[in-house]
Every structure is written in structure tokens, then in C-alpha cells.
Protein backbone atom coordinates (compact mmCIF):
# COMPACT_ATOMS: atom_id res chain seq x y z
CA MET A 1 -36.43 -5.99 -8.37
CA THR A 2 -35.52 -4.28 -5.12
CA THR A 3 -31.90 -3.39 -4.48
CA SER A 4 -30.26 -2.11 -1.35
CA PRO A 5 -28.51 1.25 -1.06
CA SER A 6 -24.89 0.91 -2.13
CA ILE A 7 -21.79 3.07 -2.48
CA ASN A 8 -18.88 2.53 -4.85
CA ASN A 9 -16.08 0.63 -3.10
CA SER A 10 -13.46 2.96 -4.55
CA TRP A 11 -14.20 5.49 -1.79
CA SER A 12 -13.85 3.03 1.07
CA ARG A 13 -10.70 1.44 -0.39
CA VAL A 14 -9.00 4.80 -0.81
CA ALA A 15 -10.07 5.80 2.70
CA LEU A 16 -8.64 2.62 4.23
CA ARG A 17 -5.40 3.08 2.29
CA ARG A 18 -5.05 6.63 3.62
CA ILE A 19 -5.93 5.52 7.14
CA ARG A 20 -3.08 2.99 6.94
CA SER A 21 -0.69 5.93 6.39
CA PHE A 22 -1.68 7.48 9.76
CA PRO A 23 0.81 7.34 12.66
CA PRO A 24 0.72 3.83 14.22
CA ALA A 25 -1.38 4.56 17.32
CA GLU A 26 -3.95 6.61 15.40
CA ARG A 27 -4.05 4.08 12.54
CA LYS A 28 -4.73 1.26 15.00
CA ALA A 29 -7.46 3.27 16.77
CA VAL A 30 -9.27 4.09 13.52
CA LEU A 31 -8.97 0.57 12.10
CA ASP A 32 -10.19 -0.88 15.40
CA ALA A 33 -13.22 1.45 15.19
CA ILE A 34 -14.18 -0.02 11.79
CA PRO A 35 -15.73 -3.49 12.09
CA GLU A 36 -13.46 -6.29 10.90
CA ASP A 37 -16.16 -7.68 8.58
CA THR A 38 -16.43 -4.26 6.91
CA ARG A 39 -12.66 -4.07 6.37
CA GLY A 40 -12.68 -7.62 4.98
CA THR A 41 -15.58 -6.95 2.62
CA ILE A 42 -13.92 -3.79 1.30
CA ALA A 43 -10.56 -5.53 0.81
CA GLY A 44 -12.18 -8.52 -0.92
CA ALA A 45 -14.22 -6.48 -3.40
CA LYS A 46 -13.07 -4.78 -6.58
CA ARG A 47 -12.69 -1.00 -6.57
CA SER A 48 -15.52 -0.72 -9.08
CA ASP A 49 -17.96 -2.81 -7.02
CA TYR A 50 -20.91 -1.22 -5.27
CA LEU A 51 -21.09 -2.44 -1.66
CA PRO A 52 -23.93 -2.02 0.83
CA ALA A 53 -23.87 1.57 2.09
CA THR A 54 -23.48 0.26 5.64
CA HIS A 55 -19.79 -0.38 4.90
CA ALA A 56 -19.09 3.20 3.80
CA VAL A 57 -21.02 4.47 6.84
CA ALA A 58 -18.89 2.24 9.10
CA VAL A 59 -15.68 3.66 7.61
CA CYS A 60 -16.93 7.25 7.96
CA GLU A 61 -18.14 6.68 11.53
CA GLY A 62 -14.91 4.95 12.58
CA LEU A 63 -12.87 7.79 11.16
CA ILE A 64 -14.85 10.64 12.72
CA GLY A 65 -15.06 8.81 16.05
CA VAL A 66 -11.28 8.80 16.38
CA ILE A 67 -10.00 11.92 14.60
CA GLY A 68 -13.00 14.24 15.07
CA THR A 69 -15.18 16.21 12.70
CA GLU A 70 -12.76 18.85 11.40
CA ARG A 71 -9.99 16.38 10.60
CA ALA A 72 -12.52 14.01 9.03
CA VAL A 73 -13.75 16.84 6.77
CA GLU A 74 -10.12 17.59 5.80
CA PHE A 75 -9.50 13.87 5.21
CA TRP A 76 -12.43 13.63 2.78
CA GLU A 77 -11.47 16.90 1.10
CA THR A 78 -8.11 15.34 0.24
CA VAL A 79 -9.60 12.00 -0.85
CA VAL A 80 -12.18 13.65 -3.12
CA GLY A 81 -9.71 16.22 -4.46
CA ASP A 82 -7.41 13.39 -5.52
CA SER A 83 -10.30 11.55 -7.20
CA TYR A 84 -10.49 14.14 -9.98
CA ALA A 85 -7.03 13.13 -11.25
CA GLY A 86 -7.24 9.49 -12.30
CA GLY A 87 -9.96 8.58 -9.82
CA LEU A 88 -13.66 7.85 -9.86
CA LEU A 89 -14.70 11.45 -10.54
CA GLU A 90 -12.28 12.15 -13.38
CA PRO A 91 -15.07 11.80 -16.01
CA LEU A 92 -16.72 14.89 -14.52
CA ILE A 93 -13.73 17.05 -15.41
CA THR A 94 -14.53 16.65 -19.10
CA LYS A 95 -18.04 17.97 -18.37
CA MET A 96 -16.79 21.06 -16.60
CA ARG A 97 -16.75 24.13 -18.82
CA ARG A 98 -16.22 27.47 -17.15
CA ASP A 99 -18.85 29.20 -19.22
CA GLU A 100 -21.47 26.49 -18.58
CA LEU A 101 -21.18 25.95 -14.83
CA ASP A 102 -21.88 28.92 -12.59
CA PHE A 103 -20.72 27.00 -9.53
CA GLY A 104 -17.77 25.02 -10.89
CA LEU A 105 -17.79 21.35 -10.01
CA ILE A 106 -20.52 21.89 -7.42
CA GLY A 107 -22.84 22.16 -10.41
CA LEU A 108 -21.98 18.51 -11.07
CA ALA A 109 -22.65 17.28 -7.53
CA ALA A 110 -25.68 15.29 -8.68
CA ASP A 111 -23.54 13.54 -11.30
CA ALA A 112 -20.83 12.81 -8.72
CA TRP A 113 -23.39 11.24 -6.36
CA ALA A 114 -24.90 9.23 -9.23
CA LEU A 115 -21.43 7.89 -10.16
CA SER A 116 -20.73 7.00 -6.54
CA THR A 117 -24.00 5.38 -5.40
CA ARG A 118 -26.88 3.11 -6.33
CA ASP A 119 -30.36 3.37 -4.80
CA CYS A 120 -29.05 5.79 -2.18
CA GLY A 121 -31.05 8.97 -2.71
CA LYS A 122 -30.28 11.96 -4.89
CA VAL A 123 -28.34 15.19 -4.65
CA GLY A 124 -29.64 18.44 -6.11
CA LEU A 125 -28.49 22.04 -6.33
CA ALA A 126 -30.52 25.26 -6.10
CA GLN A 127 -29.71 28.93 -5.68
CA SER A 128 -31.69 31.05 -3.23
CA ARG A 129 -32.55 34.72 -3.59
CA ASP A 130 -30.03 35.70 -0.92
CA GLY A 131 -27.12 34.41 -3.02
CA LYS A 132 -26.67 31.13 -1.21
CA VAL A 133 -26.34 27.89 -3.09
CA ARG A 134 -28.13 24.99 -1.44
CA LEU A 135 -27.02 21.44 -2.04
CA GLU A 136 -29.60 18.93 -0.85
CA ALA A 137 -29.21 15.20 -0.36
CA GLN A 138 -32.73 13.77 -0.51
CA GLY A 139 -34.08 10.27 -0.09
CA LEU A 140 -31.05 8.98 1.77
CA PRO A 141 -31.58 5.92 3.95
CA ASP A 142 -31.92 7.06 7.58
CA TYR A 143 -28.67 5.41 8.65
CA VAL A 144 -26.81 7.30 5.90
CA ARG A 145 -28.61 10.60 6.52
CA ASP A 146 -28.05 10.51 10.29
CA SER A 147 -24.37 9.54 10.12
CA ALA A 148 -22.07 12.32 11.36
CA GLY A 149 -19.30 10.58 9.42
CA ILE A 150 -21.26 10.77 6.15
CA GLN A 151 -22.05 14.44 6.84
CA ALA A 152 -18.30 15.07 7.28
CA MET A 153 -17.70 13.24 4.00
CA PHE A 154 -20.25 15.48 2.24
CA ALA A 155 -18.64 18.62 3.72
CA GLY A 156 -15.17 17.47 2.65
CA THR A 157 -16.50 16.72 -0.82
CA LEU A 158 -17.93 20.22 -1.08
CA ARG A 159 -14.63 21.75 0.04
CA ALA A 160 -12.78 19.73 -2.60
CA MET A 161 -15.22 20.81 -5.31
CA LEU A 162 -14.89 24.43 -4.25
CA ALA A 163 -11.08 24.26 -4.19
CA PHE A 164 -10.89 22.54 -7.57
CA SER A 165 -13.21 25.18 -9.03
CA LYS A 166 -11.22 27.99 -7.37
CA LEU A 167 -14.32 29.10 -5.49
CA ARG A 168 -14.60 30.07 -1.83
CA ALA A 169 -17.69 29.70 0.33
CA SER A 170 -18.81 29.26 3.88
CA ILE A 171 -20.67 25.99 4.42
CA GLU A 172 -23.64 25.60 6.78
CA VAL A 173 -25.14 22.16 7.38
CA SER A 174 -28.87 21.73 8.02
CA THR A 175 -30.14 18.31 9.09
CA ASP A 176 -33.55 19.26 10.53
CA ASN A 177 -35.34 19.84 7.23
CA ALA A 178 -39.05 18.99 7.03
CA ASP A 179 -38.49 16.76 4.01
CA GLY A 180 -35.82 14.69 5.77
CA SER A 181 -32.99 15.93 3.56
CA ILE A 182 -29.51 16.98 4.54
CA ALA A 183 -28.82 20.44 3.15
CA PHE A 184 -25.55 22.32 2.77
CA GLU A 185 -25.89 26.04 2.25
CA LEU A 186 -22.95 27.67 0.54
CA LYS A 187 -22.45 31.40 0.66
CA LEU A 188 -20.02 32.09 -2.15
CA ARG A 189 -17.29 34.64 -1.48
CA ALA A 190 -15.11 36.56 -3.86
CA PRO A 191 -11.66 35.01 -4.37
CA SER A 192 -8.95 36.66 -2.28
């Protein structure tokens, strides 16, 4: 049986709820940038449903198109940060043990992606010799991989994981990898 790439509706519902708290002109601009059928599908589905990934991409693209990359990254950092307390990612907190995870919650990025998606690629973590940690999203559908909005969502997610784990790092995004992956290189810094 073939299934289509899907993303848990919880993310899109929370995003739309937060967008509705924007100042009126900005809220209208962002909502107008998200297709009406996408908004209707998200509103009509349960939080726990997995919807075609095109809907999450439409939300991410509408958001970044109006508020820009940096604010979109901050937006997703807040959304994901809140998801650890009573949200979709709360089960990962019970897995986090300081002595078992060298990179805090980032070590559970693959689990977070698996909880959030179906048939939508994989996320993996590796450490390079130069001390950088590389998070790779492989096997994503092209429309997910190439979405600047999805890339902002990934970057915001990483920031939230770093903050929750009390880690600091610079984040470099690489989208021109030979294997077609999106990679995020993290250079961990000592806490200040």
C-alpha cells in the first residue's frame, strides 16, 4: 500500500492559532497567503490526524512570505518549545536523560520527526571531527525539501531543542548536498 507524505495536524493547528493572535493587518496578510482549502482542511481535522504534507508546507510558506525568515524561525522556535509541555513532543521529555544524550533533545530529533510525520523522509544526527553536529533530513519529498518555510520550521525547531537543553550553537543550513538532503550544521558553544 502506498501512502502519501503527511505531517501531524497538531503543528498546523497550533500555527494557525498563533497566527490568529498577530496584529489584525499582519494576521489578515498571513491568513490570506495560506490557501482557503488548506485552512479548512486543518480546521476540519483532529489535532492527531496526519494530513498531506502540502498543507503544512502551505502554512510554512504563507508565514515566511509575510513575516520573513528570521521571524518565521522565531515563530517556530516558540511553537516547538511549547510542544514539550503538554504538546505533541512531551513524550520525548521522558526519554531525555542528561547522562545519555550528549546533545540534549537534539539527540532525539529523529524521534521528534517520526512522531510528527508519516512517509516524509527521515532525520538523522552525526558528529563530525571538527566538533560540529550535523542534523540531516533525508528522503524528503522535493516540495518539502525545497520549501523555505519548512527550512525555517526546521531551524526554529533546532533552536527550541537547543534552548530546552540549555545548549548554545550556531546553525548553518546546507541545501545543496549531493544526496538531496537538507543539513543543519551546529557548532556547539560553551554556555555563557
